[in-house]
Amino acid sequence: MADGKSEKYIDAAAADRLIAAHDGDVALYAIYTARHPGADDETAAAALCRTLGEIAAAREKLERLLPGAAPRQKKPLFPEDGPIQYPTKEIVGTFEKDAAFSSLVDELARILGATPSRSYLNALVDAYEHLGMPPEVLMLLLHHCDDEIRRRWGSQRKPTAKYISDEAYRWANREIMTMELAEEYIARCEKRREEKSRAAELLGIRGRGLSPTETKYVESWLDMGFDDGALAAALDRTLTNTGSLRWAYMNGILNRWHAKGLHTAEEVERAEGRHGKENWGAGRIEQIDENELAETIERITGGRK
């Protein structure tokens, strides 16, 4: 199965244990990590169309079945008390001796429209010196932070030093240390933003952003791999059965579909038909043919009244 020197094989005994576990997610995760050693949970979740929670559960179960088979998750780099606080002398020294860092400061000043304060310079030094982020990657990060804040709050808002620092640690934790990986990450963020925007439009949410709770629901549905058609079908059933958009009810429908491996409207309709099982017992009144009803009563009663 492995075609590279860094890849691992799943031997027959291990395969037998995975088969005996009767857990498709664990088997799929085992195959993926054998093919991609050291893959983190987020990368595996995106590749396998699973949620982070499902990947974490699969990793834990794989470790119980085959100790040492699951890749170890690296400890996050986030320091407990925030970024390292550098003395002014060190910040100035980095600025004076390093032309690349000086260019970063100039670009940050252009983004902010003002000379960066000490907290901003400290965040830059921390990302540059402590995290070891290359200057070209850090330049992309600054523009990414600026774009994100502008989209959320308008062109007058600027990214804070803390926002830049948090994003730098987020990239470092994901080992985004090359231009290629940085551009790929930014493209994924853009794709997810478009997906959430389409989902909000589909759900009838216009003129405002999703609330934190709504965002969690929508992101979990997207993580599960549902397309627009499946979301529309789940919304239709929710509105039909409850009369309004009830997030927990719709989430229940989508979780059931996810458990059955149904992620598109076509898959749902093939498996459950147009209305599906959710309508039964939900207060939906069927139209009954009166002649058919009379014939049925006559058949049961033998014509007695």
C-alpha atoms as a PDB file:
ATOM      1  CA  MET A   1       0.000   0.000   0.000  1.00  0.00           C
ATOM      2  CA  ALA A   2       2.826   2.416   0.784  1.00  0.00           C
ATOM      3  CA  ASP A   3       4.756   3.823  -2.149  1.00  0.00           C
ATOM      4  CA  GLY A   4       7.216   6.096  -0.373  1.00  0.00           C
ATOM      5  CA  LYS A   5      10.032   5.569   2.100  1.00  0.00           C
ATOM      6  CA  SER A   6       8.241   7.497   4.849  1.00  0.00           C
ATOM      7  CA  GLU A   7       5.007   5.535   4.518  1.00  0.00           C
ATOM      8  CA  LYS A   8       3.991   2.521   6.608  1.00  0.00           C
ATOM      9  CA  TYR A   9       2.349  -0.765   5.790  1.00  0.00           C
ATOM     10  CA  ILE A  10      -0.647  -2.188   7.626  1.00  0.00           C
ATOM     11  CA  ASP A  11       0.285  -5.800   8.285  1.00  0.00           C
ATOM     12  CA  ALA A  12      -2.189  -8.680   8.189  1.00  0.00           C
ATOM     13  CA  ALA A  13      -2.608  -8.902  11.975  1.00  0.00           C
ATOM     14  CA  ALA A  14      -3.325  -5.171  12.231  1.00  0.00           C
ATOM     15  CA  ALA A  15      -5.781  -5.372   9.334  1.00  0.00           C
ATOM     16  CA  ASP A  16      -7.591  -8.265  11.050  1.00  0.00           C
ATOM     17  CA  ARG A  17      -7.982  -6.201  14.243  1.00  0.00           C
ATOM     18  CA  LEU A  18      -9.335  -3.244  12.283  1.00  0.00           C
ATOM     19  CA  ILE A  19     -11.826  -5.471  10.469  1.00  0.00           C
ATOM     20  CA  ALA A  20     -12.937  -7.068  13.754  1.00  0.00           C
ATOM     21  CA  ALA A  21     -13.569  -3.609  15.247  1.00  0.00           C
ATOM     22  CA  HIS A  22     -16.420  -3.013  12.734  1.00  0.00           C
ATOM     23  CA  ASP A  23     -15.672   0.726  12.724  1.00  0.00           C
ATOM     24  CA  GLY A  24     -15.367   2.282   9.285  1.00  0.00           C
ATOM     25  CA  ASP A  25     -14.040   5.610  10.556  1.00  0.00           C
ATOM     26  CA  VAL A  26     -11.176   3.939  12.431  1.00  0.00           C
ATOM     27  CA  ALA A  27     -10.258   1.762   9.436  1.00  0.00           C
ATOM     28  CA  LEU A  28     -10.363   4.765   7.080  1.00  0.00           C
ATOM     29  CA  TYR A  29      -8.273   6.844   9.486  1.00  0.00           C
ATOM     30  CA  ALA A  30      -5.735   4.014   9.851  1.00  0.00           C
ATOM     31  CA  ILE A  31      -5.341   3.762   6.064  1.00  0.00           C
ATOM     32  CA  TYR A  32      -5.004   7.539   5.726  1.00  0.00           C
ATOM     33  CA  THR A  33      -2.356   7.880   8.459  1.00  0.00           C
ATOM     34  CA  ALA A  34      -0.411   4.920   7.066  1.00  0.00           C
ATOM     35  CA  ARG A  35      -0.388   6.756   3.734  1.00  0.00           C
ATOM     36  CA  HIS A  36       0.316  10.151   5.346  1.00  0.00           C
ATOM     37  CA  PRO A  37       2.384   9.635   8.528  1.00  0.00           C
ATOM     38  CA  GLY A  38       2.244  12.508  10.995  1.00  0.00           C
ATOM     39  CA  ALA A  39      -0.932  14.064   9.565  1.00  0.00           C
ATOM     40  CA  ASP A  40      -2.681  16.293  12.098  1.00  0.00           C
ATOM     41  CA  ASP A  41      -6.362  15.992  12.966  1.00  0.00           C
ATOM     42  CA  GLU A  42      -7.451  19.008  10.929  1.00  0.00           C
ATOM     43  CA  THR A  43      -5.720  17.788   7.765  1.00  0.00           C
ATOM     44  CA  ALA A  44      -7.140  14.288   8.213  1.00  0.00           C
ATOM     45  CA  ALA A  45     -10.646  15.670   8.828  1.00  0.00           C
ATOM     46  CA  ALA A  46     -10.548  17.727   5.632  1.00  0.00           C
ATOM     47  CA  ALA A  47      -9.210  14.816   3.568  1.00  0.00           C
ATOM     48  CA  LEU A  48     -11.682  12.258   4.925  1.00  0.00           C
ATOM     49  CA  CYS A  49     -14.763  14.535   5.104  1.00  0.00           C
ATOM     50  CA  ARG A  50     -15.095  13.967   8.845  1.00  0.00           C
ATOM     51  CA  THR A  51     -15.473  16.381  11.761  1.00  0.00           C
ATOM     52  CA  LEU A  52     -12.567  17.062  14.102  1.00  0.00           C
ATOM     53  CA  GLY A  53     -14.505  15.270  16.842  1.00  0.00           C
ATOM     54  CA  GLU A  54     -14.907  12.163  14.679  1.00  0.00           C
ATOM     55  CA  ILE A  55     -11.210  12.167  13.779  1.00  0.00           C
ATOM     56  CA  ALA A  56     -10.201  12.579  17.431  1.00  0.00           C
ATOM     57  CA  ALA A  57     -12.468   9.657  18.401  1.00  0.00           C
ATOM     58  CA  ALA A  58     -11.023   7.516  15.577  1.00  0.00           C
ATOM     59  CA  ARG A  59      -7.471   8.365  16.649  1.00  0.00           C
ATOM     60  CA  GLU A  60      -8.146   7.429  20.271  1.00  0.00           C
ATOM     61  CA  LYS A  61      -9.779   4.122  19.277  1.00  0.00           C
ATOM     62  CA  LEU A  62      -6.969   3.313  16.835  1.00  0.00           C
ATOM     63  CA  GLU A  63      -4.443   3.873  19.619  1.00  0.00           C
ATOM     64  CA  ARG A  64      -6.345   1.392  21.801  1.00  0.00           C
ATOM     65  CA  LEU A  65      -6.560  -1.178  18.991  1.00  0.00           C
ATOM     66  CA  LEU A  66      -3.027  -0.737  17.674  1.00  0.00           C
ATOM     67  CA  PRO A  67      -0.802   1.069  20.206  1.00  0.00           C
ATOM     68  CA  GLY A  68       1.623   3.372  18.441  1.00  0.00           C
ATOM     69  CA  ALA A  69      -0.283   3.357  15.134  1.00  0.00           C
ATOM     70  CA  ALA A  70      -2.023   6.711  15.594  1.00  0.00           C
ATOM     71  CA  PRO A  71       0.142   9.788  14.921  1.00  0.00           C
ATOM     72  CA  ARG A  72       0.960  11.763  18.036  1.00  0.00           C
ATOM     73  CA  GLN A  73      -0.598  15.202  18.127  1.00  0.00           C
ATOM     74  CA  LYS A  74       1.915  17.926  18.779  1.00  0.00           C
ATOM     75  CA  LYS A  75       1.466  20.101  21.826  1.00  0.00           C
ATOM     76  CA  PRO A  76       0.158  23.519  20.759  1.00  0.00           C
ATOM     77  CA  LEU A  77       2.721  26.310  20.713  1.00  0.00           C
ATOM     78  CA  PHE A  78       0.372  28.804  22.369  1.00  0.00           C
ATOM     79  CA  PRO A  79       2.174  30.079  25.494  1.00  0.00           C
ATOM     80  CA  GLU A  80       0.059  30.153  28.648  1.00  0.00           C
ATOM     81  CA  ASP A  81       0.572  33.866  29.241  1.00  0.00           C
ATOM     82  CA  GLY A  82       0.503  35.099  25.642  1.00  0.00           C
ATOM     83  CA  PRO A  83       3.460  35.860  23.365  1.00  0.00           C
ATOM     84  CA  ILE A  84       6.933  36.400  24.782  1.00  0.00           C
ATOM     85  CA  GLN A  85       7.484  39.989  25.851  1.00  0.00           C
ATOM     86  CA  TYR A  86      10.732  41.257  24.376  1.00  0.00           C
ATOM     87  CA  PRO A  87      12.740  44.165  25.807  1.00  0.00           C
ATOM     88  CA  THR A  88      12.708  47.328  23.735  1.00  0.00           C
ATOM     89  CA  LYS A  89      16.424  46.972  23.075  1.00  0.00           C
ATOM     90  CA  GLU A  90      15.915  43.580  21.412  1.00  0.00           C
ATOM     91  CA  ILE A  91      13.003  44.853  19.309  1.00  0.00           C
ATOM     92  CA  VAL A  92      15.040  47.839  18.102  1.00  0.00           C
ATOM     93  CA  GLY A  93      18.050  45.612  17.478  1.00  0.00           C
ATOM     94  CA  THR A  94      16.047  43.239  15.290  1.00  0.00           C
ATOM     95  CA  PHE A  95      14.658  46.204  13.359  1.00  0.00           C
ATOM     96  CA  GLU A  96      18.079  47.765  12.800  1.00  0.00           C
ATOM     97  CA  LYS A  97      20.074  44.668  11.859  1.00  0.00           C
ATOM     98  CA  ASP A  98      17.530  42.852   9.672  1.00  0.00           C
ATOM     99  CA  ALA A  99      16.360  44.433   6.403  1.00  0.00           C
ATOM    100  CA  ALA A 100      13.655  41.777   5.944  1.00  0.00           C
ATOM    101  CA  PHE A 101      12.175  42.539   9.350  1.00  0.00           C
ATOM    102  CA  SER A 102      12.369  46.266   8.623  1.00  0.00           C
ATOM    103  CA  SER A 103      10.283  45.663   5.475  1.00  0.00           C
ATOM    104  CA  LEU A 104       7.697  43.840   7.571  1.00  0.00           C
ATOM    105  CA  VAL A 105       7.439  46.789   9.938  1.00  0.00           C
ATOM    106  CA  ASP A 106       7.024  49.178   6.977  1.00  0.00           C
ATOM    107  CA  GLU A 107       4.234  47.006   5.526  1.00  0.00           C
ATOM    108  CA  LEU A 108       2.474  46.771   8.890  1.00  0.00           C
ATOM    109  CA  ALA A 109       2.643  50.583   9.166  1.00  0.00           C
ATOM    110  CA  ARG A 110       1.013  50.836   5.733  1.00  0.00           C
ATOM    111  CA  ILE A 111      -1.770  48.433   6.783  1.00  0.00           C
ATOM    112  CA  LEU A 112      -2.409  50.283  10.042  1.00  0.00           C
ATOM    113  CA  GLY A 113      -2.038  53.734   8.550  1.00  0.00           C
ATOM    114  CA  ALA A 114       0.197  54.645  11.493  1.00  0.00           C
ATOM    115  CA  THR A 115       3.506  53.772  13.095  1.00  0.00           C
ATOM    116  CA  PRO A 116       3.132  50.378  14.802  1.00  0.00           C
ATOM    117  CA  SER A 117       3.053  50.538  18.574  1.00  0.00           C
ATOM    118  CA  ARG A 118       5.314  48.486  20.814  1.00  0.00           C
ATOM    119  CA  SER A 119       2.687  45.705  21.134  1.00  0.00           C
ATOM    120  CA  TYR A 120       2.591  45.317  17.339  1.00  0.00           C
ATOM    121  CA  LEU A 121       6.397  45.243  17.100  1.00  0.00           C
ATOM    122  CA  ASN A 122       6.522  42.681  19.904  1.00  0.00           C
ATOM    123  CA  ALA A 123       4.049  40.459  18.027  1.00  0.00           C
ATOM    124  CA  LEU A 124       6.192  40.704  14.871  1.00  0.00           C
ATOM    125  CA  VAL A 125       9.429  39.891  16.705  1.00  0.00           C
ATOM    126  CA  ASP A 126       7.777  36.951  18.462  1.00  0.00           C
ATOM    127  CA  ALA A 127       6.523  35.480  15.174  1.00  0.00           C
ATOM    128  CA  TYR A 128       9.829  36.198  13.410  1.00  0.00           C
ATOM    129  CA  GLU A 129      12.317  35.166  16.108  1.00  0.00           C
ATOM    130  CA  HIS A 130      10.500  32.726  18.415  1.00  0.00           C
ATOM    131  CA  LEU A 131       8.212  30.976  15.909  1.00  0.00           C
ATOM    132  CA  GLY A 132      10.790  31.214  13.126  1.00  0.00           C
ATOM    133  CA  MET A 133       8.268  32.337  10.528  1.00  0.00           C
ATOM    134  CA  PRO A 134       9.962  33.320   7.228  1.00  0.00           C
ATOM    135  CA  PRO A 135       9.496  36.994   6.308  1.00  0.00           C
ATOM    136  CA  GLU A 136       7.583  36.234   3.083  1.00  0.00           C
ATOM    137  CA  VAL A 137       5.156  34.005   5.013  1.00  0.00           C
ATOM    138  CA  LEU A 138       4.765  36.601   7.744  1.00  0.00           C
ATOM    139  CA  MET A 139       4.020  39.201   5.072  1.00  0.00           C
ATOM    140  CA  LEU A 140       1.174  37.004   3.773  1.00  0.00           C
ATOM    141  CA  LEU A 141      -0.080  36.544   7.328  1.00  0.00           C
ATOM    142  CA  LEU A 142      -0.274  40.322   7.870  1.00  0.00           C
ATOM    143  CA  HIS A 143      -2.334  40.783   4.706  1.00  0.00           C
ATOM    144  CA  HIS A 144      -4.543  37.816   5.621  1.00  0.00           C
ATOM    145  CA  CYS A 145      -5.254  39.362   9.035  1.00  0.00           C
ATOM    146  CA  ASP A 146      -6.047  42.715   7.430  1.00  0.00           C
ATOM    147  CA  ASP A 147      -8.404  41.099   4.888  1.00  0.00           C
ATOM    148  CA  GLU A 148     -10.224  39.092   7.565  1.00  0.00           C
ATOM    149  CA  ILE A 149     -10.866  42.149   9.761  1.00  0.00           C
ATOM    150  CA  ARG A 150     -11.999  44.261   6.796  1.00  0.00           C
ATOM    151  CA  ARG A 151     -14.506  41.597   5.753  1.00  0.00           C
ATOM    152  CA  ARG A 152     -15.922  41.269   9.257  1.00  0.00           C
ATOM    153  CA  TRP A 153     -15.978  44.866  10.420  1.00  0.00           C
ATOM    154  CA  GLY A 154     -15.404  47.162   7.453  1.00  0.00           C
ATOM    155  CA  SER A 155     -12.456  49.044   6.019  1.00  0.00           C
ATOM    156  CA  GLN A 156     -12.089  51.335   9.036  1.00  0.00           C
ATOM    157  CA  ARG A 157     -11.154  48.512  11.411  1.00  0.00           C
ATOM    158  CA  LYS A 158      -7.569  47.300  11.691  1.00  0.00           C
ATOM    159  CA  PRO A 159      -6.206  44.013  13.043  1.00  0.00           C
ATOM    160  CA  THR A 160      -5.051  44.277  16.649  1.00  0.00           C
ATOM    161  CA  ALA A 161      -1.631  43.139  17.812  1.00  0.00           C
ATOM    162  CA  LYS A 162      -3.278  40.260  19.668  1.00  0.00           C
ATOM    163  CA  TYR A 163      -5.169  39.192  16.549  1.00  0.00           C
ATOM    164  CA  ILE A 164      -1.919  39.100  14.548  1.00  0.00           C
ATOM    165  CA  SER A 165      -0.136  37.215  17.324  1.00  0.00           C
ATOM    166  CA  ASP A 166      -2.935  34.648  17.718  1.00  0.00           C
ATOM    167  CA  GLU A 167      -2.996  34.044  13.957  1.00  0.00           C
ATOM    168  CA  ALA A 168       0.791  33.635  13.868  1.00  0.00           C
ATOM    169  CA  TYR A 169       0.610  30.938  16.551  1.00  0.00           C
ATOM    170  CA  ARG A 170      -2.301  29.320  14.735  1.00  0.00           C
ATOM    171  CA  TRP A 171      -0.174  29.079  11.582  1.00  0.00           C
ATOM    172  CA  ALA A 172       2.821  27.799  13.531  1.00  0.00           C
ATOM    173  CA  ASN A 173       0.708  25.087  15.179  1.00  0.00           C
ATOM    174  CA  ARG A 174      -0.371  23.976  11.709  1.00  0.00           C
ATOM    175  CA  GLU A 175       3.221  24.169  10.469  1.00  0.00           C
ATOM    176  CA  ILE A 176       2.374  26.790   7.864  1.00  0.00           C
ATOM    177  CA  MET A 177       5.927  27.917   7.250  1.00  0.00           C
ATOM    178  CA  THR A 178       6.184  28.090   3.465  1.00  0.00           C
ATOM    179  CA  MET A 179       4.560  30.292   0.833  1.00  0.00           C
ATOM    180  CA  GLU A 180       2.880  27.259  -0.730  1.00  0.00           C
ATOM    181  CA  LEU A 181       1.271  26.161   2.554  1.00  0.00           C
ATOM    182  CA  ALA A 182       0.304  29.742   3.433  1.00  0.00           C
ATOM    183  CA  GLU A 183      -1.413  30.277   0.071  1.00  0.00           C
ATOM    184  CA  GLU A 184      -3.157  26.915   0.396  1.00  0.00           C
ATOM    185  CA  TYR A 185      -4.417  27.823   3.877  1.00  0.00           C
ATOM    186  CA  ILE A 186      -5.677  31.222   2.745  1.00  0.00           C
ATOM    187  CA  ALA A 187      -7.465  29.559  -0.188  1.00  0.00           C
ATOM    188  CA  ARG A 188      -9.144  27.107   2.236  1.00  0.00           C
ATOM    189  CA  CYS A 189     -10.251  30.014   4.417  1.00  0.00           C
ATOM    190  CA  GLU A 190     -11.733  31.748   1.376  1.00  0.00           C
ATOM    191  CA  LYS A 191     -13.529  28.577   0.304  1.00  0.00           C
ATOM    192  CA  ARG A 192     -14.961  28.046   3.797  1.00  0.00           C
ATOM    193  CA  ARG A 193     -16.076  31.687   3.947  1.00  0.00           C
ATOM    194  CA  GLU A 194     -17.928  31.260   0.628  1.00  0.00           C
ATOM    195  CA  GLU A 195     -19.509  28.003   1.854  1.00  0.00           C
ATOM    196  CA  LYS A 196     -20.740  29.659   5.052  1.00  0.00           C
ATOM    197  CA  SER A 197     -22.070  32.618   3.078  1.00  0.00           C
ATOM    198  CA  ARG A 198     -24.022  30.304   0.758  1.00  0.00           C
ATOM    199  CA  ALA A 199     -25.344  28.331   3.727  1.00  0.00           C
ATOM    200  CA  ALA A 200     -26.503  31.522   5.457  1.00  0.00           C
ATOM    201  CA  GLU A 201     -28.253  32.667   2.269  1.00  0.00           C
ATOM    202  CA  LEU A 202     -29.883  29.253   1.898  1.00  0.00           C
ATOM    203  CA  LEU A 203     -31.112  29.428   5.503  1.00  0.00           C
ATOM    204  CA  GLY A 204     -32.661  32.845   4.866  1.00  0.00           C
ATOM    205  CA  ILE A 205     -30.105  34.773   6.944  1.00  0.00           C
ATOM    206  CA  ARG A 206     -29.428  38.055   5.186  1.00  0.00           C
ATOM    207  CA  GLY A 207     -28.151  41.447   6.243  1.00  0.00           C
ATOM    208  CA  ARG A 208     -26.177  40.075   9.202  1.00  0.00           C
ATOM    209  CA  GLY A 209     -23.482  37.569   9.996  1.00  0.00           C
ATOM    210  CA  LEU A 210     -24.038  34.212  11.639  1.00  0.00           C
ATOM    211  CA  SER A 211     -24.074  34.238  15.436  1.00  0.00           C
ATOM    212  CA  PRO A 212     -21.422  32.143  17.258  1.00  0.00           C
ATOM    213  CA  THR A 213     -23.943  29.338  17.883  1.00  0.00           C
ATOM    214  CA  GLU A 214     -25.205  29.444  14.291  1.00  0.00           C
ATOM    215  CA  THR A 215     -21.605  29.392  13.067  1.00  0.00           C
ATOM    216  CA  LYS A 216     -20.879  26.242  15.077  1.00  0.00           C
ATOM    217  CA  TYR A 217     -23.888  24.486  13.568  1.00  0.00           C
ATOM    218  CA  VAL A 218     -23.076  25.533   9.990  1.00  0.00           C
ATOM    219  CA  GLU A 219     -19.366  24.692  10.286  1.00  0.00           C
ATOM    220  CA  SER A 220     -20.157  21.262  11.723  1.00  0.00           C
ATOM    221  CA  TRP A 221     -22.503  20.567   8.764  1.00  0.00           C
ATOM    222  CA  LEU A 222     -19.852  21.690   6.299  1.00  0.00           C
ATOM    223  CA  ASP A 223     -17.236  19.572   8.097  1.00  0.00           C
ATOM    224  CA  MET A 224     -19.521  16.557   7.681  1.00  0.00           C
ATOM    225  CA  GLY A 225     -19.473  17.132   3.922  1.00  0.00           C
ATOM    226  CA  PHE A 226     -23.068  18.186   3.189  1.00  0.00           C
ATOM    227  CA  ASP A 227     -23.653  20.003  -0.083  1.00  0.00           C
ATOM    228  CA  ASP A 228     -26.113  22.856  -0.653  1.00  0.00           C
ATOM    229  CA  GLY A 229     -28.815  20.471  -1.867  1.00  0.00           C
ATOM    230  CA  ALA A 230     -28.685  18.366   1.304  1.00  0.00           C
ATOM    231  CA  LEU A 231     -28.847  21.480   3.490  1.00  0.00           C
ATOM    232  CA  ALA A 232     -31.827  22.730   1.495  1.00  0.00           C
ATOM    233  CA  ALA A 233     -33.562  19.352   1.900  1.00  0.00           C
ATOM    234  CA  ALA A 234     -32.937  19.350   5.662  1.00  0.00           C
ATOM    235  CA  LEU A 235     -34.250  22.910   5.930  1.00  0.00           C
ATOM    236  CA  ASP A 236     -37.369  21.986   3.954  1.00  0.00           C
ATOM    237  CA  ARG A 237     -38.134  19.106   6.294  1.00  0.00           C
ATOM    238  CA  THR A 238     -37.448  21.269   9.334  1.00  0.00           C
ATOM    239  CA  LEU A 239     -39.823  24.002   8.144  1.00  0.00           C
ATOM    240  CA  THR A 240     -42.470  21.439   7.122  1.00  0.00           C
ATOM    241  CA  ASN A 241     -42.402  19.654  10.454  1.00  0.00           C
ATOM    242  CA  THR A 242     -41.859  22.552  12.891  1.00  0.00           C
ATOM    243  CA  GLY A 243     -42.998  25.670  11.033  1.00  0.00           C
ATOM    244  CA  SER A 244     -39.713  27.516  11.575  1.00  0.00           C
ATOM    245  CA  LEU A 245     -35.936  27.164  11.403  1.00  0.00           C
ATOM    246  CA  ARG A 246     -35.156  25.202  14.531  1.00  0.00           C
ATOM    247  CA  TRP A 247     -31.406  24.676  14.573  1.00  0.00           C
ATOM    248  CA  ALA A 248     -31.366  21.666  16.916  1.00  0.00           C
ATOM    249  CA  TYR A 249     -34.096  19.910  14.904  1.00  0.00           C
ATOM    250  CA  MET A 250     -32.271  20.486  11.603  1.00  0.00           C
ATOM    251  CA  ASN A 251     -29.025  19.386  13.227  1.00  0.00           C
ATOM    252  CA  GLY A 252     -30.719  16.147  14.293  1.00  0.00           C
ATOM    253  CA  ILE A 253     -31.804  15.430  10.705  1.00  0.00           C
ATOM    254  CA  LEU A 254     -28.332  16.100   9.338  1.00  0.00           C
ATOM    255  CA  ASN A 255     -26.649  14.003  12.012  1.00  0.00           C
ATOM    256  CA  ARG A 256     -28.890  11.063  11.109  1.00  0.00           C
ATOM    257  CA  TRP A 257     -28.080  11.489   7.425  1.00  0.00           C
ATOM    258  CA  HIS A 258     -24.368  11.739   8.214  1.00  0.00           C
ATOM    259  CA  ALA A 259     -24.525   8.491  10.187  1.00  0.00           C
ATOM    260  CA  LYS A 260     -26.086   6.830   7.113  1.00  0.00           C
ATOM    261  CA  GLY A 261     -23.499   8.317   4.753  1.00  0.00           C
ATOM    262  CA  LEU A 262     -26.036  10.573   3.007  1.00  0.00           C
ATOM    263  CA  HIS A 263     -24.491  13.933   2.106  1.00  0.00           C
ATOM    264  CA  THR A 264     -26.235  15.076  -1.080  1.00  0.00           C
ATOM    265  CA  ALA A 265     -29.894  15.692  -1.915  1.00  0.00           C
ATOM    266  CA  GLU A 266     -29.734  12.868  -4.470  1.00  0.00           C
ATOM    267  CA  GLU A 267     -28.420  10.387  -1.901  1.00  0.00           C
ATOM    268  CA  VAL A 268     -31.097  11.409   0.603  1.00  0.00           C
ATOM    269  CA  GLU A 269     -33.924  11.073  -1.924  1.00  0.00           C
ATOM    270  CA  ARG A 270     -32.709   7.666  -3.108  1.00  0.00           C
ATOM    271  CA  ALA A 271     -32.489   6.407   0.471  1.00  0.00           C
ATOM    272  CA  GLU A 272     -35.583   8.013   2.012  1.00  0.00           C
ATOM    273  CA  GLY A 273     -37.751   9.408  -0.738  1.00  0.00           C
ATOM    274  CA  ARG A 274     -38.918  12.982  -1.044  1.00  0.00           C
ATOM    275  CA  HIS A 275     -40.291  13.376   2.466  1.00  0.00           C
ATOM    276  CA  GLY A 276     -38.349  10.779   4.422  1.00  0.00           C
ATOM    277  CA  LYS A 277     -39.036   9.380   7.839  1.00  0.00           C
ATOM    278  CA  GLU A 278     -38.856  12.682   9.684  1.00  0.00           C
ATOM    279  CA  ASN A 279     -42.427  13.562   8.662  1.00  0.00           C
ATOM    280  CA  TRP A 280     -44.030  10.564  10.313  1.00  0.00           C
ATOM    281  CA  GLY A 281     -45.688  11.444  13.597  1.00  0.00           C
ATOM    282  CA  ALA A 282     -44.743  15.087  13.217  1.00  0.00           C
ATOM    283  CA  GLY A 283     -48.262  16.446  12.954  1.00  0.00           C
ATOM    284  CA  ARG A 284     -48.465  16.178   9.177  1.00  0.00           C
ATOM    285  CA  ILE A 285     -52.042  15.421   8.012  1.00  0.00           C
ATOM    286  CA  GLU A 286     -52.341  13.238   4.919  1.00  0.00           C
ATOM    287  CA  GLN A 287     -55.204  13.766   2.423  1.00  0.00           C
ATOM    288  CA  ILE A 288     -57.417  10.617   2.400  1.00  0.00           C
ATOM    289  CA  ASP A 289     -59.721   9.660  -0.462  1.00  0.00           C
ATOM    290  CA  GLU A 290     -63.292   9.513   0.981  1.00  0.00           C
ATOM    291  CA  ASN A 291     -64.479   6.717  -1.374  1.00  0.00           C
ATOM    292  CA  GLU A 292     -61.465   4.608  -0.453  1.00  0.00           C
ATOM    293  CA  LEU A 293     -62.205   5.215   3.242  1.00  0.00           C
ATOM    294  CA  ALA A 294     -65.880   4.155   2.797  1.00  0.00           C
ATOM    295  CA  GLU A 295     -64.873   0.987   0.980  1.00  0.00           C
ATOM    296  CA  THR A 296     -62.370   0.124   3.694  1.00  0.00           C
ATOM    297  CA  ILE A 297     -64.963   0.616   6.464  1.00  0.00           C
ATOM    298  CA  GLU A 298     -67.502  -1.506   4.579  1.00  0.00           C
ATOM    299  CA  ARG A 299     -64.928  -4.271   4.120  1.00  0.00           C
ATOM    300  CA  ILE A 300     -64.087  -4.277   7.830  1.00  0.00           C
ATOM    301  CA  THR A 301     -67.664  -4.096   9.123  1.00  0.00           C
ATOM    302  CA  GLY A 302     -69.242  -6.349   6.520  1.00  0.00           C
ATOM    303  CA  GLY A 303     -71.668  -3.604   5.615  1.00  0.00           C
ATOM    304  CA  ARG A 304     -72.966  -3.192   9.171  1.00  0.00           C
ATOM    305  CA  LYS A 305     -73.681   0.343  10.292  1.00  0.00           C
END
